[in-house]
Amino acid sequence: MWYAIIALAFVLVAALAFYAGQLLWKVKQQQQAQQQERAKKIKYLTDSIGHIAKAMDAEQCEISEGVLRIWVLLDHYKQQTAGDQNYQELYKGFASLYEVIKDMPTHDARKKLGKQERFNLDVRRWDAEKEFAELIKQDLQSILEAFPTTLDKKLAPSEMQ
């Protein structure tokens, strides 16, 4: 009788241990999937920031548009990396221009404005771009160094020149 109870207890403990092992394995798989997804997002953000910065440097993207896009991406990058970077201090030119243009209407909201109002906003934006031009150029070079694109990483240093 005791042997049956001990055997039953052993089977029960073995079954619970097996079940616990399965749960631990699933948790480990989920953590790995989350880490891979996070790495993928960080790579995407790094590439996006780098590509927009290159377009700005090559004057293929308006300064204001590039600053808006990069600033938002930097915010997402900081969240993904749980970084403590102070981008307002690191990129003072970008931060300054962003503060001027962040609330300006875009797309359909801009189209709904009158011509004079759009022109006034454009003048304000152009003045800010001129005022912070030198700082933005410096920030742009820093961003290009800090956020190399995947293509940059694949090229040998001699090919990048």
C-alpha atoms as a PDB file:
ATOM      1  CA  MET A   1       0.000   0.000   0.000  1.00  0.00           C
ATOM      2  CA  TRP A   2       2.767   2.431   0.928  1.00  0.00           C
ATOM      3  CA  TYR A   3       4.581   1.539  -2.255  1.00  0.00           C
ATOM      4  CA  ALA A   4       1.543   2.529  -4.307  1.00  0.00           C
ATOM      5  CA  ILE A   5       1.238   5.888  -2.513  1.00  0.00           C
ATOM      6  CA  ILE A   6       4.971   6.573  -2.969  1.00  0.00           C
ATOM      7  CA  ALA A   7       4.765   5.581  -6.635  1.00  0.00           C
ATOM      8  CA  LEU A   8       1.730   7.797  -7.141  1.00  0.00           C
ATOM      9  CA  ALA A   9       3.497  10.710  -5.410  1.00  0.00           C
ATOM     10  CA  PHE A  10       6.565  10.154  -7.576  1.00  0.00           C
ATOM     11  CA  VAL A  11       4.468  10.164 -10.765  1.00  0.00           C
ATOM     12  CA  LEU A  12       2.675  13.302  -9.601  1.00  0.00           C
ATOM     13  CA  VAL A  13       5.964  15.109  -8.822  1.00  0.00           C
ATOM     14  CA  ALA A  14       7.427  14.004 -12.170  1.00  0.00           C
ATOM     15  CA  ALA A  15       4.350  15.269 -14.034  1.00  0.00           C
ATOM     16  CA  LEU A  16       4.466  18.614 -12.237  1.00  0.00           C
ATOM     17  CA  ALA A  17       8.211  18.924 -12.904  1.00  0.00           C
ATOM     18  CA  PHE A  18       7.624  18.177 -16.586  1.00  0.00           C
ATOM     19  CA  TYR A  19       4.852  20.794 -16.735  1.00  0.00           C
ATOM     20  CA  ALA A  20       7.041  23.375 -14.954  1.00  0.00           C
ATOM     21  CA  GLY A  21       9.850  22.628 -17.411  1.00  0.00           C
ATOM     22  CA  GLN A  22       7.501  23.212 -20.348  1.00  0.00           C
ATOM     23  CA  LEU A  23       6.386  26.536 -18.885  1.00  0.00           C
ATOM     24  CA  LEU A  24       9.976  27.635 -18.313  1.00  0.00           C
ATOM     25  CA  TRP A  25      10.865  26.662 -21.880  1.00  0.00           C
ATOM     26  CA  LYS A  26       7.918  28.712 -23.229  1.00  0.00           C
ATOM     27  CA  VAL A  27       8.948  31.729 -21.138  1.00  0.00           C
ATOM     28  CA  LYS A  28      12.498  31.430 -22.463  1.00  0.00           C
ATOM     29  CA  GLN A  29      11.209  31.252 -26.053  1.00  0.00           C
ATOM     30  CA  GLN A  30       9.036  34.328 -25.487  1.00  0.00           C
ATOM     31  CA  GLN A  31      11.952  36.262 -24.024  1.00  0.00           C
ATOM     32  CA  GLN A  32      14.146  35.352 -26.980  1.00  0.00           C
ATOM     33  CA  ALA A  33      11.409  36.421 -29.407  1.00  0.00           C
ATOM     34  CA  GLN A  34      11.019  39.735 -27.549  1.00  0.00           C
ATOM     35  CA  GLN A  35      14.781  40.332 -27.633  1.00  0.00           C
ATOM     36  CA  GLN A  36      14.877  39.590 -31.364  1.00  0.00           C
ATOM     37  CA  GLU A  37      11.946  41.922 -31.986  1.00  0.00           C
ATOM     38  CA  ARG A  38      13.594  44.654 -29.917  1.00  0.00           C
ATOM     39  CA  ALA A  39      16.888  44.237 -31.803  1.00  0.00           C
ATOM     40  CA  LYS A  40      14.979  44.408 -35.084  1.00  0.00           C
ATOM     41  CA  LYS A  41      13.255  47.657 -33.996  1.00  0.00           C
ATOM     42  CA  ILE A  42      16.550  49.186 -32.882  1.00  0.00           C
ATOM     43  CA  LYS A  43      18.150  48.275 -36.215  1.00  0.00           C
ATOM     44  CA  TYR A  44      15.195  49.776 -38.091  1.00  0.00           C
ATOM     45  CA  LEU A  45      15.351  52.986 -36.046  1.00  0.00           C
ATOM     46  CA  THR A  46      19.133  53.269 -36.454  1.00  0.00           C
ATOM     47  CA  ASP A  47      18.861  52.772 -40.211  1.00  0.00           C
ATOM     48  CA  SER A  48      15.966  55.223 -40.519  1.00  0.00           C
ATOM     49  CA  ILE A  49      17.764  57.933 -38.574  1.00  0.00           C
ATOM     50  CA  GLY A  50      20.932  57.358 -40.598  1.00  0.00           C
ATOM     51  CA  HIS A  51      19.133  57.443 -43.952  1.00  0.00           C
ATOM     52  CA  ILE A  52      17.243  60.633 -43.149  1.00  0.00           C
ATOM     53  CA  ALA A  53      20.450  62.259 -41.905  1.00  0.00           C
ATOM     54  CA  LYS A  54      22.209  61.268 -45.141  1.00  0.00           C
ATOM     55  CA  ALA A  55      19.350  62.731 -47.177  1.00  0.00           C
ATOM     56  CA  MET A  56      19.578  65.957 -45.187  1.00  0.00           C
ATOM     57  CA  ASP A  57      23.362  66.057 -45.653  1.00  0.00           C
ATOM     58  CA  ALA A  58      22.943  65.554 -49.409  1.00  0.00           C
ATOM     59  CA  GLU A  59      20.242  68.277 -49.427  1.00  0.00           C
ATOM     60  CA  GLN A  60      17.654  65.767 -50.669  1.00  0.00           C
ATOM     61  CA  CYS A  61      15.431  66.421 -47.664  1.00  0.00           C
ATOM     62  CA  GLU A  62      14.326  69.761 -46.268  1.00  0.00           C
ATOM     63  CA  ILE A  63      15.961  70.627 -42.981  1.00  0.00           C
ATOM     64  CA  SER A  64      12.673  71.048 -41.117  1.00  0.00           C
ATOM     65  CA  GLU A  65      11.227  67.798 -42.392  1.00  0.00           C
ATOM     66  CA  GLY A  66      14.403  65.910 -41.515  1.00  0.00           C
ATOM     67  CA  VAL A  67      14.541  67.423 -38.043  1.00  0.00           C
ATOM     68  CA  LEU A  68      10.902  66.520 -37.357  1.00  0.00           C
ATOM     69  CA  ARG A  69      11.339  62.950 -38.541  1.00  0.00           C
ATOM     70  CA  ILE A  70      14.670  62.337 -36.810  1.00  0.00           C
ATOM     71  CA  TRP A  71      13.507  63.886 -33.526  1.00  0.00           C
ATOM     72  CA  VAL A  72      10.515  61.542 -33.353  1.00  0.00           C
ATOM     73  CA  LEU A  73      12.713  58.561 -34.246  1.00  0.00           C
ATOM     74  CA  LEU A  74      15.235  59.554 -31.575  1.00  0.00           C
ATOM     75  CA  ASP A  75      12.435  59.498 -29.023  1.00  0.00           C
ATOM     76  CA  HIS A  76      11.456  55.970 -30.104  1.00  0.00           C
ATOM     77  CA  TYR A  77      15.116  54.904 -30.127  1.00  0.00           C
ATOM     78  CA  LYS A  78      15.568  56.154 -26.578  1.00  0.00           C
ATOM     79  CA  GLN A  79      12.512  54.161 -25.461  1.00  0.00           C
ATOM     80  CA  GLN A  80      13.735  50.965 -27.142  1.00  0.00           C
ATOM     81  CA  THR A  81      17.232  51.206 -25.730  1.00  0.00           C
ATOM     82  CA  ALA A  82      16.108  52.478 -22.321  1.00  0.00           C
ATOM     83  CA  GLY A  83      18.856  55.031 -22.793  1.00  0.00           C
ATOM     84  CA  ASP A  84      19.499  58.040 -20.642  1.00  0.00           C
ATOM     85  CA  GLN A  85      20.773  60.257 -23.454  1.00  0.00           C
ATOM     86  CA  ASN A  86      19.702  63.862 -23.233  1.00  0.00           C
ATOM     87  CA  TYR A  87      19.088  64.627 -26.888  1.00  0.00           C
ATOM     88  CA  GLN A  88      18.284  68.276 -26.098  1.00  0.00           C
ATOM     89  CA  GLU A  89      21.899  68.639 -24.949  1.00  0.00           C
ATOM     90  CA  LEU A  90      23.457  66.341 -27.547  1.00  0.00           C
ATOM     91  CA  TYR A  91      21.679  67.891 -30.525  1.00  0.00           C
ATOM     92  CA  LYS A  92      20.979  71.495 -29.542  1.00  0.00           C
ATOM     93  CA  GLY A  93      20.349  72.672 -33.107  1.00  0.00           C
ATOM     94  CA  PHE A  94      17.820  69.933 -33.787  1.00  0.00           C
ATOM     95  CA  ALA A  95      16.144  70.550 -30.421  1.00  0.00           C
ATOM     96  CA  SER A  96      15.918  74.292 -31.029  1.00  0.00           C
ATOM     97  CA  LEU A  97      14.418  73.969 -34.511  1.00  0.00           C
ATOM     98  CA  TYR A  98      12.071  71.220 -33.335  1.00  0.00           C
ATOM     99  CA  GLU A  99      10.709  73.493 -30.609  1.00  0.00           C
ATOM    100  CA  VAL A 100       9.862  76.121 -33.241  1.00  0.00           C
ATOM    101  CA  ILE A 101       8.217  73.788 -35.774  1.00  0.00           C
ATOM    102  CA  LYS A 102       6.743  70.949 -33.722  1.00  0.00           C
ATOM    103  CA  ASP A 103       3.264  72.485 -33.473  1.00  0.00           C
ATOM    104  CA  MET A 104       3.074  73.752 -37.048  1.00  0.00           C
ATOM    105  CA  PRO A 105       0.291  72.064 -39.009  1.00  0.00           C
ATOM    106  CA  THR A 106       1.207  69.582 -41.727  1.00  0.00           C
ATOM    107  CA  HIS A 107      -0.568  67.738 -44.534  1.00  0.00           C
ATOM    108  CA  ASP A 108      -4.338  68.343 -44.600  1.00  0.00           C
ATOM    109  CA  ALA A 109      -4.280  70.734 -41.652  1.00  0.00           C
ATOM    110  CA  ARG A 110      -1.766  72.903 -43.523  1.00  0.00           C
ATOM    111  CA  LYS A 111      -3.864  72.803 -46.692  1.00  0.00           C
ATOM    112  CA  LYS A 112      -6.836  74.162 -44.752  1.00  0.00           C
ATOM    113  CA  LEU A 113      -4.892  77.298 -43.777  1.00  0.00           C
ATOM    114  CA  GLY A 114      -5.110  80.466 -45.806  1.00  0.00           C
ATOM    115  CA  LYS A 115      -2.225  81.454 -48.092  1.00  0.00           C
ATOM    116  CA  GLN A 116      -1.100  84.292 -45.840  1.00  0.00           C
ATOM    117  CA  GLU A 117      -1.134  82.098 -42.743  1.00  0.00           C
ATOM    118  CA  ARG A 118       0.873  79.380 -44.541  1.00  0.00           C
ATOM    119  CA  PHE A 119       3.339  81.989 -45.722  1.00  0.00           C
ATOM    120  CA  ASN A 120       3.748  83.390 -42.201  1.00  0.00           C
ATOM    121  CA  LEU A 121       4.446  79.889 -40.861  1.00  0.00           C
ATOM    122  CA  ASP A 122       6.937  79.286 -43.665  1.00  0.00           C
ATOM    123  CA  VAL A 123       8.750  82.553 -42.882  1.00  0.00           C
ATOM    124  CA  ARG A 124       8.936  81.589 -39.206  1.00  0.00           C
ATOM    125  CA  ARG A 125      10.293  78.162 -40.166  1.00  0.00           C
ATOM    126  CA  TRP A 126      12.835  79.575 -42.648  1.00  0.00           C
ATOM    127  CA  ASP A 127      14.053  82.113 -40.090  1.00  0.00           C
ATOM    128  CA  ALA A 128      14.522  79.353 -37.518  1.00  0.00           C
ATOM    129  CA  GLU A 129      16.380  77.193 -40.063  1.00  0.00           C
ATOM    130  CA  LYS A 130      18.759  80.089 -40.772  1.00  0.00           C
ATOM    131  CA  GLU A 131      19.208  80.890 -37.096  1.00  0.00           C
ATOM    132  CA  PHE A 132      20.141  77.327 -36.144  1.00  0.00           C
ATOM    133  CA  ALA A 133      21.838  76.324 -39.421  1.00  0.00           C
ATOM    134  CA  GLU A 134      25.355  76.018 -37.990  1.00  0.00           C
ATOM    135  CA  LEU A 135      24.253  74.012 -34.952  1.00  0.00           C
ATOM    136  CA  ILE A 136      22.126  71.756 -37.153  1.00  0.00           C
ATOM    137  CA  LYS A 137      25.110  71.037 -39.425  1.00  0.00           C
ATOM    138  CA  GLN A 138      27.176  70.023 -36.396  1.00  0.00           C
ATOM    139  CA  ASP A 139      24.341  67.905 -35.026  1.00  0.00           C
ATOM    140  CA  LEU A 140      23.880  66.266 -38.402  1.00  0.00           C
ATOM    141  CA  GLN A 141      27.516  65.144 -38.481  1.00  0.00           C
ATOM    142  CA  SER A 142      27.185  63.772 -34.947  1.00  0.00           C
ATOM    143  CA  ILE A 143      24.045  61.879 -35.911  1.00  0.00           C
ATOM    144  CA  LEU A 144      25.688  60.448 -39.025  1.00  0.00           C
ATOM    145  CA  GLU A 145      28.487  59.089 -36.831  1.00  0.00           C
ATOM    146  CA  ALA A 146      26.197  57.832 -34.061  1.00  0.00           C
ATOM    147  CA  PHE A 147      23.659  56.140 -36.359  1.00  0.00           C
ATOM    148  CA  PRO A 148      25.414  54.336 -39.206  1.00  0.00           C
ATOM    149  CA  THR A 149      23.092  52.531 -41.585  1.00  0.00           C
ATOM    150  CA  THR A 150      23.356  48.806 -42.253  1.00  0.00           C
ATOM    151  CA  LEU A 151      24.883  49.595 -45.639  1.00  0.00           C
ATOM    152  CA  ASP A 152      27.615  51.688 -43.982  1.00  0.00           C
ATOM    153  CA  LYS A 153      28.484  48.816 -41.658  1.00  0.00           C
ATOM    154  CA  LYS A 154      28.873  46.395 -44.590  1.00  0.00           C
ATOM    155  CA  LEU A 155      31.231  48.632 -46.550  1.00  0.00           C
ATOM    156  CA  ALA A 156      34.913  48.510 -45.822  1.00  0.00           C
ATOM    157  CA  PRO A 157      36.382  51.803 -44.562  1.00  0.00           C
ATOM    158  CA  SER A 158      38.249  52.292 -47.850  1.00  0.00           C
ATOM    159  CA  GLU A 159      34.982  51.940 -49.813  1.00  0.00           C
ATOM    160  CA  MET A 160      33.170  54.565 -47.737  1.00  0.00           C
ATOM    161  CA  GLN A 161      35.370  57.406 -48.960  1.00  0.00           C
END
